[in-house]
C-alpha atoms as a PDB file:
ATOM      1  CA  UNK A   1      10.030 -15.747 -46.682  1.00  0.00           C
ATOM      2  CA  UNK A   2       8.410 -19.123 -47.193  1.00  0.00           C
ATOM      3  CA  UNK A   3       6.076 -20.433 -49.877  1.00  0.00           C
ATOM      4  CA  UNK A   4       2.643 -21.730 -48.928  1.00  0.00           C
ATOM      5  CA  UNK A   5       0.300 -23.831 -51.052  1.00  0.00           C
ATOM      6  CA  UNK A   6      -2.658 -21.766 -52.200  1.00  0.00           C
ATOM      7  CA  UNK A   7      -5.065 -24.085 -50.344  1.00  0.00           C
ATOM      8  CA  UNK A   8      -3.065 -23.746 -47.136  1.00  0.00           C
ATOM      9  CA  UNK A   9      -2.953 -19.967 -47.530  1.00  0.00           C
ATOM     10  CA  UNK A  10      -6.744 -20.049 -47.628  1.00  0.00           C
ATOM     11  CA  UNK A  11      -7.035 -22.063 -44.395  1.00  0.00           C
ATOM     12  CA  UNK A  12      -4.463 -19.861 -42.653  1.00  0.00           C
ATOM     13  CA  UNK A  13      -6.395 -16.728 -43.600  1.00  0.00           C
ATOM     14  CA  UNK A  14      -3.579 -15.377 -45.770  1.00  0.00           C
ATOM     15  CA  UNK A  15      -5.585 -15.525 -49.001  1.00  0.00           C
ATOM     16  CA  UNK A  16      -9.217 -16.232 -49.849  1.00  0.00           C
ATOM     17  CA  UNK A  17     -10.145 -18.699 -52.565  1.00  0.00           C
ATOM     18  CA  UNK A  18     -13.265 -20.698 -53.348  1.00  0.00           C
ATOM     19  CA  UNK A  19     -12.878 -24.369 -52.489  1.00  0.00           C
ATOM     20  CA  UNK A  20     -15.071 -27.323 -51.625  1.00  0.00           C
ATOM     21  CA  UNK A  21     -12.339 -29.013 -49.544  1.00  0.00           C
ATOM     22  CA  UNK A  22      -9.992 -27.324 -47.099  1.00  0.00           C
ATOM     23  CA  UNK A  23      -6.467 -28.519 -46.342  1.00  0.00           C
ATOM     24  CA  UNK A  24      -6.143 -30.250 -42.973  1.00  0.00           C
ATOM     25  CA  UNK A  25      -2.339 -30.170 -43.219  1.00  0.00           C
ATOM     26  CA  UNK A  26      -0.400 -26.956 -43.812  1.00  0.00           C
ATOM     27  CA  UNK A  27       1.827 -27.446 -46.865  1.00  0.00           C
ATOM     28  CA  UNK A  28       4.912 -25.238 -46.952  1.00  0.00           C
ATOM     29  CA  UNK A  29       7.756 -25.032 -49.494  1.00  0.00           C
ATOM     30  CA  UNK A  30      11.243 -23.634 -48.950  1.00  0.00           C
ATOM     31  CA  UNK A  31      14.240 -23.177 -51.236  1.00  0.00           C
ATOM     32  CA  UNK A  32      15.117 -22.048 -54.723  1.00  0.00           C
ATOM     33  CA  UNK A  33      15.177 -24.017 -57.981  1.00  0.00           C
ATOM     34  CA  UNK A  34      16.172 -27.592 -57.166  1.00  0.00           C
ATOM     35  CA  UNK A  35      19.562 -29.080 -58.032  1.00  0.00           C
ATOM     36  CA  UNK A  36      17.797 -32.364 -58.768  1.00  0.00           C
ATOM     37  CA  UNK A  37      16.189 -32.871 -62.157  1.00  0.00           C
ATOM     38  CA  UNK A  38      13.140 -35.092 -61.573  1.00  0.00           C
ATOM     39  CA  UNK A  39      11.209 -35.366 -64.828  1.00  0.00           C
ATOM     40  CA  UNK A  40       7.796 -34.795 -63.210  1.00  0.00           C
ATOM     41  CA  UNK A  41       8.654 -31.795 -61.025  1.00  0.00           C
ATOM     42  CA  UNK A  42       8.179 -28.079 -61.850  1.00  0.00           C
ATOM     43  CA  UNK A  43      10.966 -27.287 -59.359  1.00  0.00           C
ATOM     44  CA  UNK A  44      13.474 -29.454 -61.291  1.00  0.00           C
ATOM     45  CA  UNK A  45      16.744 -27.954 -62.438  1.00  0.00           C
ATOM     46  CA  UNK A  46      15.799 -27.980 -66.146  1.00  0.00           C
ATOM     47  CA  UNK A  47      12.059 -27.372 -65.732  1.00  0.00           C
ATOM     48  CA  UNK A  48      10.689 -24.439 -67.724  1.00  0.00           C
ATOM     49  CA  UNK A  49       8.181 -23.610 -64.991  1.00  0.00           C
ATOM     50  CA  UNK A  50       8.632 -20.181 -63.416  1.00  0.00           C
ATOM     51  CA  UNK A  51       9.162 -21.842 -60.026  1.00  0.00           C
ATOM     52  CA  UNK A  52       5.728 -21.018 -58.623  1.00  0.00           C
ATOM     53  CA  UNK A  53       4.335 -24.567 -58.872  1.00  0.00           C
ATOM     54  CA  UNK A  54       4.748 -27.916 -57.190  1.00  0.00           C
ATOM     55  CA  UNK A  55       2.628 -30.534 -58.941  1.00  0.00           C
ATOM     56  CA  UNK A  56      -0.300 -28.453 -60.271  1.00  0.00           C
ATOM     57  CA  UNK A  57      -0.520 -26.222 -57.168  1.00  0.00           C
ATOM     58  CA  UNK A  58       0.563 -22.568 -56.953  1.00  0.00           C
ATOM     59  CA  UNK A  59       2.720 -21.617 -53.917  1.00  0.00           C
ATOM     60  CA  UNK A  60       2.738 -17.856 -53.138  1.00  0.00           C
ATOM     61  CA  UNK A  61       5.371 -16.423 -50.778  1.00  0.00           C
ATOM     62  CA  UNK A  62       4.699 -15.006 -47.313  1.00  0.00           C
ATOM     63  CA  UNK A  63       6.734 -13.751 -44.387  1.00  0.00           C
ATOM     64  CA  UNK A  64       7.853 -16.733 -42.293  1.00  0.00           C
ATOM     65  CA  UNK A  65       6.834 -15.246 -38.936  1.00  0.00           C
ATOM     66  CA  UNK A  66       3.400 -14.390 -40.348  1.00  0.00           C
ATOM     67  CA  UNK A  67       2.966 -17.985 -41.497  1.00  0.00           C
ATOM     68  CA  UNK A  68       4.035 -19.443 -38.145  1.00  0.00           C
ATOM     69  CA  UNK A  69       1.628 -17.153 -36.282  1.00  0.00           C
ATOM     70  CA  UNK A  70      -1.184 -18.227 -38.586  1.00  0.00           C
ATOM     71  CA  UNK A  71      -0.188 -21.865 -38.093  1.00  0.00           C
ATOM     72  CA  UNK A  72      -0.480 -21.544 -34.327  1.00  0.00           C
ATOM     73  CA  UNK A  73      -3.939 -19.994 -34.585  1.00  0.00           C
ATOM     74  CA  UNK A  74      -5.206 -22.607 -37.057  1.00  0.00           C
ATOM     75  CA  UNK A  75      -3.797 -25.444 -34.952  1.00  0.00           C
ATOM     76  CA  UNK A  76      -5.509 -24.092 -31.834  1.00  0.00           C
ATOM     77  CA  UNK A  77      -8.901 -24.111 -33.594  1.00  0.00           C
ATOM     78  CA  UNK A  78      -8.342 -27.575 -35.058  1.00  0.00           C
ATOM     79  CA  UNK A  79      -8.433 -26.331 -38.650  1.00  0.00           C
ATOM     80  CA  UNK A  80      -4.862 -27.579 -39.189  1.00  0.00           C
ATOM     81  CA  UNK A  81      -3.699 -30.895 -37.729  1.00  0.00           C
ATOM     82  CA  UNK A  82      -0.059 -30.833 -38.787  1.00  0.00           C
ATOM     83  CA  UNK A  83       2.398 -29.139 -41.135  1.00  0.00           C
ATOM     84  CA  UNK A  84       4.441 -30.586 -43.997  1.00  0.00           C
ATOM     85  CA  UNK A  85       7.486 -28.577 -45.023  1.00  0.00           C
ATOM     86  CA  UNK A  86       9.030 -29.488 -48.368  1.00  0.00           C
ATOM     87  CA  UNK A  87      12.541 -28.366 -49.226  1.00  0.00           C
ATOM     88  CA  UNK A  88      14.110 -28.219 -52.659  1.00  0.00           C
ATOM     89  CA  UNK A  89      17.698 -29.451 -52.827  1.00  0.00           C
ATOM     90  CA  UNK A  90      19.743 -26.297 -53.267  1.00  0.00           C
ATOM     91  CA  UNK A  91      22.610 -24.488 -51.584  1.00  0.00           C
ATOM     92  CA  UNK A  92      21.985 -24.317 -47.843  1.00  0.00           C
ATOM     93  CA  UNK A  93      18.764 -26.323 -47.950  1.00  0.00           C
ATOM     94  CA  UNK A  94      19.700 -28.666 -45.096  1.00  0.00           C
ATOM     95  CA  UNK A  95      20.720 -25.825 -42.784  1.00  0.00           C
ATOM     96  CA  UNK A  96      17.515 -23.989 -43.711  1.00  0.00           C
ATOM     97  CA  UNK A  97      15.474 -27.105 -42.896  1.00  0.00           C
ATOM     98  CA  UNK A  98      17.140 -27.437 -39.521  1.00  0.00           C
ATOM     99  CA  UNK A  99      16.706 -23.783 -38.592  1.00  0.00           C
ATOM    100  CA  UNK A 100      13.074 -23.666 -39.673  1.00  0.00           C
ATOM    101  CA  UNK A 101      12.381 -26.888 -37.757  1.00  0.00           C
ATOM    102  CA  UNK A 102      13.853 -25.385 -34.602  1.00  0.00           C
ATOM    103  CA  UNK A 103      11.811 -22.221 -35.066  1.00  0.00           C
ATOM    104  CA  UNK A 104       8.482 -23.977 -35.590  1.00  0.00           C
ATOM    105  CA  UNK A 105       9.166 -26.435 -32.754  1.00  0.00           C
ATOM    106  CA  UNK A 106      10.058 -23.651 -30.310  1.00  0.00           C
ATOM    107  CA  UNK A 107       7.107 -21.435 -31.214  1.00  0.00           C
ATOM    108  CA  UNK A 108       4.330 -23.964 -31.796  1.00  0.00           C
ATOM    109  CA  UNK A 109       3.201 -27.386 -30.613  1.00  0.00           C
ATOM    110  CA  UNK A 110       1.955 -28.410 -34.059  1.00  0.00           C
ATOM    111  CA  UNK A 111       3.537 -31.691 -35.303  1.00  0.00           C
ATOM    112  CA  UNK A 112       5.362 -31.267 -38.592  1.00  0.00           C
ATOM    113  CA  UNK A 113       7.092 -33.344 -41.227  1.00  0.00           C
ATOM    114  CA  UNK A 114      10.189 -32.344 -43.160  1.00  0.00           C
ATOM    115  CA  UNK A 115      10.267 -33.583 -46.746  1.00  0.00           C
ATOM    116  CA  UNK A 116      13.881 -33.461 -47.858  1.00  0.00           C
ATOM    117  CA  UNK A 117      16.069 -36.040 -49.530  1.00  0.00           C
ATOM    118  CA  UNK A 118      18.606 -36.104 -46.738  1.00  0.00           C
ATOM    119  CA  UNK A 119      21.982 -37.538 -47.795  1.00  0.00           C
ATOM    120  CA  UNK A 120      22.681 -39.417 -44.571  1.00  0.00           C
ATOM    121  CA  UNK A 121      21.264 -40.937 -41.405  1.00  0.00           C
ATOM    122  CA  UNK A 122      22.991 -38.239 -39.362  1.00  0.00           C
ATOM    123  CA  UNK A 123      21.154 -35.525 -41.296  1.00  0.00           C
ATOM    124  CA  UNK A 124      17.842 -37.237 -40.525  1.00  0.00           C
ATOM    125  CA  UNK A 125      18.842 -37.446 -36.856  1.00  0.00           C
ATOM    126  CA  UNK A 126      19.632 -33.726 -36.747  1.00  0.00           C
ATOM    127  CA  UNK A 127      16.231 -32.807 -38.196  1.00  0.00           C
ATOM    128  CA  UNK A 128      14.415 -35.037 -35.712  1.00  0.00           C
ATOM    129  CA  UNK A 129      16.430 -33.541 -32.854  1.00  0.00           C
ATOM    130  CA  UNK A 130      15.495 -30.080 -34.199  1.00  0.00           C
ATOM    131  CA  UNK A 131      11.838 -30.958 -33.691  1.00  0.00           C
ATOM    132  CA  UNK A 132      10.554 -32.693 -36.823  1.00  0.00           C
ATOM    133  CA  UNK A 133       8.031 -35.417 -35.979  1.00  0.00           C
ATOM    134  CA  UNK A 134       8.636 -37.171 -39.300  1.00  0.00           C
ATOM    135  CA  UNK A 135      11.221 -37.129 -42.089  1.00  0.00           C
ATOM    136  CA  UNK A 136      10.037 -37.857 -45.616  1.00  0.00           C
ATOM    137  CA  UNK A 137      12.592 -39.394 -47.978  1.00  0.00           C
ATOM    138  CA  UNK A 138      10.824 -39.623 -51.330  1.00  0.00           C
ATOM    139  CA  UNK A 139      11.315 -42.785 -53.352  1.00  0.00           C
ATOM    140  CA  UNK A 140       8.696 -41.638 -55.918  1.00  0.00           C
ATOM    141  CA  UNK A 141       9.346 -44.310 -58.555  1.00  0.00           C
ATOM    142  CA  UNK A 142       8.566 -47.953 -57.777  1.00  0.00           C
ATOM    143  CA  UNK A 143      11.410 -49.544 -59.754  1.00  0.00           C
ATOM    144  CA  UNK A 144      15.139 -48.977 -60.083  1.00  0.00           C
ATOM    145  CA  UNK A 145      14.931 -48.490 -63.854  1.00  0.00           C
ATOM    146  CA  UNK A 146      12.238 -45.805 -63.673  1.00  0.00           C
ATOM    147  CA  UNK A 147      13.785 -44.129 -60.627  1.00  0.00           C
ATOM    148  CA  UNK A 148      17.240 -43.913 -62.178  1.00  0.00           C
ATOM    149  CA  UNK A 149      15.810 -42.610 -65.463  1.00  0.00           C
ATOM    150  CA  UNK A 150      13.288 -40.065 -64.187  1.00  0.00           C
ATOM    151  CA  UNK A 151      15.014 -38.917 -60.997  1.00  0.00           C
ATOM    152  CA  UNK A 152      18.634 -39.394 -62.044  1.00  0.00           C
ATOM    153  CA  UNK A 153      19.649 -40.868 -58.682  1.00  0.00           C
ATOM    154  CA  UNK A 154      20.414 -44.337 -57.388  1.00  0.00           C
ATOM    155  CA  UNK A 155      17.284 -46.285 -56.390  1.00  0.00           C
ATOM    156  CA  UNK A 156      19.046 -48.885 -54.266  1.00  0.00           C
ATOM    157  CA  UNK A 157      21.064 -46.270 -52.401  1.00  0.00           C
ATOM    158  CA  UNK A 158      17.862 -44.373 -51.594  1.00  0.00           C
ATOM    159  CA  UNK A 159      16.122 -47.523 -50.390  1.00  0.00           C
ATOM    160  CA  UNK A 160      19.090 -48.442 -48.199  1.00  0.00           C
ATOM    161  CA  UNK A 161      18.954 -44.994 -46.576  1.00  0.00           C
ATOM    162  CA  UNK A 162      15.199 -45.307 -45.969  1.00  0.00           C
ATOM    163  CA  UNK A 163      15.683 -48.744 -44.415  1.00  0.00           C
ATOM    164  CA  UNK A 164      18.479 -47.581 -42.126  1.00  0.00           C
ATOM    165  CA  UNK A 165      16.536 -44.495 -41.025  1.00  0.00           C
ATOM    166  CA  UNK A 166      13.393 -46.561 -40.411  1.00  0.00           C
ATOM    167  CA  UNK A 167      15.371 -48.914 -38.175  1.00  0.00           C
ATOM    168  CA  UNK A 168      16.989 -46.126 -36.175  1.00  0.00           C
ATOM    169  CA  UNK A 169      13.959 -43.818 -36.009  1.00  0.00           C
ATOM    170  CA  UNK A 170      10.860 -46.042 -35.847  1.00  0.00           C
ATOM    171  CA  UNK A 171       7.529 -44.430 -36.790  1.00  0.00           C
ATOM    172  CA  UNK A 172       9.310 -41.269 -37.942  1.00  0.00           C
ATOM    173  CA  UNK A 173      10.074 -42.019 -41.603  1.00  0.00           C
ATOM    174  CA  UNK A 174       7.791 -41.485 -44.592  1.00  0.00           C
ATOM    175  CA  UNK A 175       8.170 -41.888 -48.332  1.00  0.00           C
ATOM    176  CA  UNK A 176       6.216 -41.055 -51.497  1.00  0.00           C
ATOM    177  CA  UNK A 177       5.227 -43.408 -54.301  1.00  0.00           C
ATOM    178  CA  UNK A 178       3.924 -41.929 -57.554  1.00  0.00           C
ATOM    179  CA  UNK A 179       1.645 -44.110 -59.672  1.00  0.00           C
ATOM    180  CA  UNK A 180       1.728 -43.632 -63.441  1.00  0.00           C
ATOM    181  CA  UNK A 181       5.453 -43.364 -64.188  1.00  0.00           C
ATOM    182  CA  UNK A 182       5.500 -46.622 -66.169  1.00  0.00           C
ATOM    183  CA  UNK A 183       5.463 -49.209 -63.378  1.00  0.00           C
ATOM    184  CA  UNK A 184       3.120 -52.197 -63.269  1.00  0.00           C
ATOM    185  CA  UNK A 185       0.608 -52.603 -60.461  1.00  0.00           C
ATOM    186  CA  UNK A 186       2.640 -55.568 -59.224  1.00  0.00           C
ATOM    187  CA  UNK A 187       5.798 -53.443 -59.030  1.00  0.00           C
ATOM    188  CA  UNK A 188       4.026 -50.583 -57.246  1.00  0.00           C
ATOM    189  CA  UNK A 189       2.207 -52.779 -54.725  1.00  0.00           C
ATOM    190  CA  UNK A 190       5.322 -54.861 -54.028  1.00  0.00           C
ATOM    191  CA  UNK A 191       7.340 -51.732 -53.273  1.00  0.00           C
ATOM    192  CA  UNK A 192       4.596 -50.317 -51.066  1.00  0.00           C
ATOM    193  CA  UNK A 193       4.439 -53.612 -49.159  1.00  0.00           C
ATOM    194  CA  UNK A 194       8.196 -53.451 -48.533  1.00  0.00           C
ATOM    195  CA  UNK A 195       7.867 -49.932 -47.129  1.00  0.00           C
ATOM    196  CA  UNK A 196       5.157 -50.975 -44.679  1.00  0.00           C
ATOM    197  CA  UNK A 197       7.263 -53.940 -43.568  1.00  0.00           C
ATOM    198  CA  UNK A 198       9.934 -51.415 -42.630  1.00  0.00           C
ATOM    199  CA  UNK A 199       7.410 -49.313 -40.703  1.00  0.00           C
ATOM    200  CA  UNK A 200       7.603 -46.521 -43.291  1.00  0.00           C
ATOM    201  CA  UNK A 201       4.480 -44.444 -43.970  1.00  0.00           C
ATOM    202  CA  UNK A 202       3.576 -44.212 -47.671  1.00  0.00           C
ATOM    203  CA  UNK A 203       2.117 -41.150 -49.348  1.00  0.00           C
ATOM    204  CA  UNK A 204       0.378 -42.268 -52.542  1.00  0.00           C
ATOM    205  CA  UNK A 205       0.354 -39.851 -55.484  1.00  0.00           C
ATOM    206  CA  UNK A 206      -1.043 -39.967 -59.011  1.00  0.00           C
ATOM    207  CA  UNK A 207       1.404 -38.757 -61.650  1.00  0.00           C
ATOM    208  CA  UNK A 208       0.328 -35.294 -62.784  1.00  0.00           C
ATOM    209  CA  UNK A 209       1.695 -33.891 -66.059  1.00  0.00           C
ATOM    210  CA  UNK A 210       2.717 -30.272 -65.522  1.00  0.00           C
ATOM    211  CA  UNK A 211       3.592 -27.860 -68.316  1.00  0.00           C
ATOM    212  CA  UNK A 212       7.302 -27.083 -68.495  1.00  0.00           C
ATOM    213  CA  UNK A 213       8.471 -30.410 -67.050  1.00  0.00           C
ATOM    214  CA  UNK A 214      10.223 -33.182 -68.960  1.00  0.00           C
ATOM    215  CA  UNK A 215       7.138 -35.393 -68.605  1.00  0.00           C
ATOM    216  CA  UNK A 216       4.551 -32.752 -69.525  1.00  0.00           C
ATOM    217  CA  UNK A 217       3.254 -34.869 -72.422  1.00  0.00           C
ATOM    218  CA  UNK A 218       2.943 -38.129 -70.465  1.00  0.00           C
ATOM    219  CA  UNK A 219      -0.578 -39.199 -69.494  1.00  0.00           C
ATOM    220  CA  UNK A 220      -1.748 -39.516 -65.882  1.00  0.00           C
ATOM    221  CA  UNK A 221      -2.423 -43.057 -64.646  1.00  0.00           C
ATOM    222  CA  UNK A 222      -5.409 -45.111 -65.707  1.00  0.00           C
ATOM    223  CA  UNK A 223      -8.049 -44.589 -63.023  1.00  0.00           C
ATOM    224  CA  UNK A 224      -8.747 -48.328 -62.740  1.00  0.00           C
ATOM    225  CA  UNK A 225      -5.094 -49.087 -62.064  1.00  0.00           C
ATOM    226  CA  UNK A 226      -4.941 -46.277 -59.497  1.00  0.00           C
ATOM    227  CA  UNK A 227      -8.039 -47.553 -57.685  1.00  0.00           C
ATOM    228  CA  UNK A 228      -6.567 -51.047 -57.432  1.00  0.00           C
ATOM    229  CA  UNK A 229      -3.293 -49.710 -56.033  1.00  0.00           C
ATOM    230  CA  UNK A 230      -5.239 -47.536 -53.568  1.00  0.00           C
ATOM    231  CA  UNK A 231      -7.101 -50.560 -52.253  1.00  0.00           C
ATOM    232  CA  UNK A 232      -3.923 -52.599 -51.950  1.00  0.00           C
ATOM    233  CA  UNK A 233      -2.147 -49.732 -50.203  1.00  0.00           C
ATOM    234  CA  UNK A 234      -4.937 -49.417 -47.632  1.00  0.00           C
ATOM    235  CA  UNK A 235      -5.121 -53.170 -46.976  1.00  0.00           C
ATOM    236  CA  UNK A 236      -1.344 -53.355 -46.516  1.00  0.00           C
ATOM    237  CA  UNK A 237      -1.170 -50.272 -44.311  1.00  0.00           C
ATOM    238  CA  UNK A 238      -3.791 -51.492 -41.854  1.00  0.00           C
ATOM    239  CA  UNK A 239      -2.776 -55.147 -41.836  1.00  0.00           C
ATOM    240  CA  UNK A 240      -5.799 -56.582 -43.628  1.00  0.00           C
ATOM    241  CA  UNK A 241      -3.559 -58.244 -46.232  1.00  0.00           C
ATOM    242  CA  UNK A 242       0.040 -59.120 -47.090  1.00  0.00           C
ATOM    243  CA  UNK A 243       1.667 -59.090 -50.504  1.00  0.00           C
ATOM    244  CA  UNK A 244       0.963 -62.825 -50.840  1.00  0.00           C
ATOM    245  CA  UNK A 245      -2.784 -62.112 -50.769  1.00  0.00           C
ATOM    246  CA  UNK A 246      -2.703 -60.158 -54.031  1.00  0.00           C
ATOM    247  CA  UNK A 247      -2.973 -62.076 -57.292  1.00  0.00           C
ATOM    248  CA  UNK A 248      -1.649 -60.572 -60.507  1.00  0.00           C
ATOM    249  CA  UNK A 249      -1.895 -61.316 -64.209  1.00  0.00           C
ATOM    250  CA  UNK A 250       0.565 -59.594 -66.548  1.00  0.00           C
ATOM    251  CA  UNK A 251       1.394 -57.125 -63.782  1.00  0.00           C
ATOM    252  CA  UNK A 252      -2.255 -56.203 -63.106  1.00  0.00           C
ATOM    253  CA  UNK A 253      -4.033 -56.856 -59.815  1.00  0.00           C
ATOM    254  CA  UNK A 254      -6.926 -59.220 -60.546  1.00  0.00           C
ATOM    255  CA  UNK A 255      -7.842 -60.685 -57.160  1.00  0.00           C
ATOM    256  CA  UNK A 256      -7.453 -60.073 -53.432  1.00  0.00           C
ATOM    257  CA  UNK A 257      -7.432 -63.432 -51.711  1.00  0.00           C
ATOM    258  CA  UNK A 258      -8.670 -62.686 -48.185  1.00  0.00           C
ATOM    259  CA  UNK A 259     -11.895 -63.607 -46.393  1.00  0.00           C
ATOM    260  CA  UNK A 260     -14.777 -61.704 -48.019  1.00  0.00           C
ATOM    261  CA  UNK A 261     -16.245 -60.291 -44.796  1.00  0.00           C
ATOM    262  CA  UNK A 262     -12.863 -58.876 -43.755  1.00  0.00           C
ATOM    263  CA  UNK A 263     -12.387 -57.413 -47.214  1.00  0.00           C
ATOM    264  CA  UNK A 264     -15.826 -55.818 -47.175  1.00  0.00           C
ATOM    265  CA  UNK A 265     -15.240 -54.374 -43.708  1.00  0.00           C
ATOM    266  CA  UNK A 266     -11.944 -52.891 -44.895  1.00  0.00           C
ATOM    267  CA  UNK A 267     -13.036 -51.185 -48.092  1.00  0.00           C
ATOM    268  CA  UNK A 268     -16.785 -50.534 -47.834  1.00  0.00           C
ATOM    269  CA  UNK A 269     -16.249 -47.215 -46.016  1.00  0.00           C
ATOM    270  CA  UNK A 270     -14.356 -45.814 -49.016  1.00  0.00           C
ATOM    271  CA  UNK A 271     -11.432 -44.668 -46.862  1.00  0.00           C
ATOM    272  CA  UNK A 272      -9.038 -46.490 -49.178  1.00  0.00           C
ATOM    273  CA  UNK A 273      -9.880 -43.918 -51.869  1.00  0.00           C
ATOM    274  CA  UNK A 274      -9.103 -40.927 -49.673  1.00  0.00           C
ATOM    275  CA  UNK A 275      -5.693 -39.248 -49.756  1.00  0.00           C
ATOM    276  CA  UNK A 276      -3.025 -41.588 -48.366  1.00  0.00           C
ATOM    277  CA  UNK A 277      -0.104 -40.154 -46.427  1.00  0.00           C
ATOM    278  CA  UNK A 278       0.791 -38.972 -42.945  1.00  0.00           C
ATOM    279  CA  UNK A 279      -1.950 -38.439 -40.372  1.00  0.00           C
ATOM    280  CA  UNK A 280      -4.072 -35.424 -41.278  1.00  0.00           C
ATOM    281  CA  UNK A 281      -2.820 -35.235 -44.881  1.00  0.00           C
ATOM    282  CA  UNK A 282      -5.558 -34.648 -47.454  1.00  0.00           C
ATOM    283  CA  UNK A 283      -3.798 -32.618 -50.241  1.00  0.00           C
ATOM    284  CA  UNK A 284      -6.936 -31.159 -51.910  1.00  0.00           C
ATOM    285  CA  UNK A 285      -6.565 -31.052 -55.696  1.00  0.00           C
ATOM    286  CA  UNK A 286      -2.835 -31.681 -55.602  1.00  0.00           C
ATOM    287  CA  UNK A 287      -3.197 -34.278 -58.376  1.00  0.00           C
ATOM    288  CA  UNK A 288      -6.653 -33.272 -59.599  1.00  0.00           C
ATOM    289  CA  UNK A 289      -8.497 -30.444 -61.285  1.00  0.00           C
ATOM    290  CA  UNK A 290     -11.899 -29.460 -59.878  1.00  0.00           C
ATOM    291  CA  UNK A 291     -14.508 -31.280 -61.921  1.00  0.00           C
ATOM    292  CA  UNK A 292     -11.947 -33.702 -63.336  1.00  0.00           C
ATOM    293  CA  UNK A 293     -10.890 -37.229 -62.393  1.00  0.00           C
ATOM    294  CA  UNK A 294     -10.663 -37.486 -58.601  1.00  0.00           C
ATOM    295  CA  UNK A 295      -7.673 -39.701 -57.838  1.00  0.00           C
ATOM    296  CA  UNK A 296      -7.396 -38.858 -54.123  1.00  0.00           C
ATOM    297  CA  UNK A 297     -10.521 -37.745 -52.292  1.00  0.00           C
ATOM    298  CA  UNK A 298      -9.667 -35.064 -49.684  1.00  0.00           C
ATOM    299  CA  UNK A 299     -12.755 -35.931 -47.606  1.00  0.00           C
ATOM    300  CA  UNK A 300     -15.048 -38.880 -46.801  1.00  0.00           C
ATOM    301  CA  UNK A 301     -16.809 -40.284 -49.862  1.00  0.00           C
ATOM    302  CA  UNK A 302     -20.550 -40.474 -50.432  1.00  0.00           C
ATOM    303  CA  UNK A 303     -22.101 -43.931 -51.022  1.00  0.00           C
ATOM    304  CA  UNK A 304     -22.411 -43.056 -54.717  1.00  0.00           C
ATOM    305  CA  UNK A 305     -18.737 -42.108 -54.925  1.00  0.00           C
ATOM    306  CA  UNK A 306     -17.724 -45.368 -53.230  1.00  0.00           C
ATOM    307  CA  UNK A 307     -19.770 -47.306 -55.779  1.00  0.00           C
ATOM    308  CA  UNK A 308     -18.153 -45.343 -58.608  1.00  0.00           C
ATOM    309  CA  UNK A 309     -14.660 -46.075 -57.286  1.00  0.00           C
ATOM    310  CA  UNK A 310     -15.418 -49.770 -56.911  1.00  0.00           C
ATOM    311  CA  UNK A 311     -16.730 -49.883 -60.468  1.00  0.00           C
ATOM    312  CA  UNK A 312     -13.615 -48.107 -61.720  1.00  0.00           C
ATOM    313  CA  UNK A 313     -11.430 -50.731 -60.030  1.00  0.00           C
ATOM    314  CA  UNK A 314     -13.012 -53.525 -62.120  1.00  0.00           C
ATOM    315  CA  UNK A 315     -12.658 -55.841 -59.106  1.00  0.00           C
ATOM    316  CA  UNK A 316     -15.724 -57.682 -57.848  1.00  0.00           C
ATOM    317  CA  UNK A 317     -15.009 -57.486 -54.111  1.00  0.00           C
ATOM    318  CA  UNK A 318     -18.225 -56.606 -52.247  1.00  0.00           C
END
């Protein structure tokens, strides 16, 4: 059995739900309650969640072969562009990741990422050799102090592993950065810039308080701060800017010092406000509630939505 995000189950034809945005990546989850104890995660060791959630999304269980068959069909029609398989850290999780990777690779030509905090470079190598197109090693927090406090693991050790893997396996390593854990915009953007220098893809998330977690009473990020980080992330990812081009006051981004035409060309489409991650990743309503604040748009924005996002950023750029 394997768990499938409710939105993915809808696209795969396993369950019908009403939605205004369909997943373009298949999100799968494997493993039992996690040995790690990340303060934001419903799968954490001490979380009071019943284990059915990751972020605010429900993940029902299905037969693995049924899911793989549905994946193949959805990939052939273009409804699904890739798969992302997340593994909790529990007994046998690495072996399970390797076996599932081999199975999907042998039975389908869909590219897939494995999101697992591998303990070593050799473990990453084994997963890539088993067929994974990318390995995601989640940093999550942007500073050592926050990382060590909220995740209970060593920030510098994790970064060293990411750097070594990125060097050995170019264009195959991803990470996650969550905005709203207490970092400044300067700290978040600086860390994101370092990841791109290493050739590491960055998935940008907004902190989402989930009932039953240690951080259930913490607020999600200020939308203005998130918009500014989104713009910086996009400009860094596509080479429009370097960290030196961002000007900060008291940790807040206040100016982007690049030629105005280039800046307008980069952000006027609104793509910087869409979900940021691996190719094909749109994570509909992973951090949002329908009708609520839209941190990551899972689709192209309308001109009105682009204007709204620019206004929320409080930066006069266009």
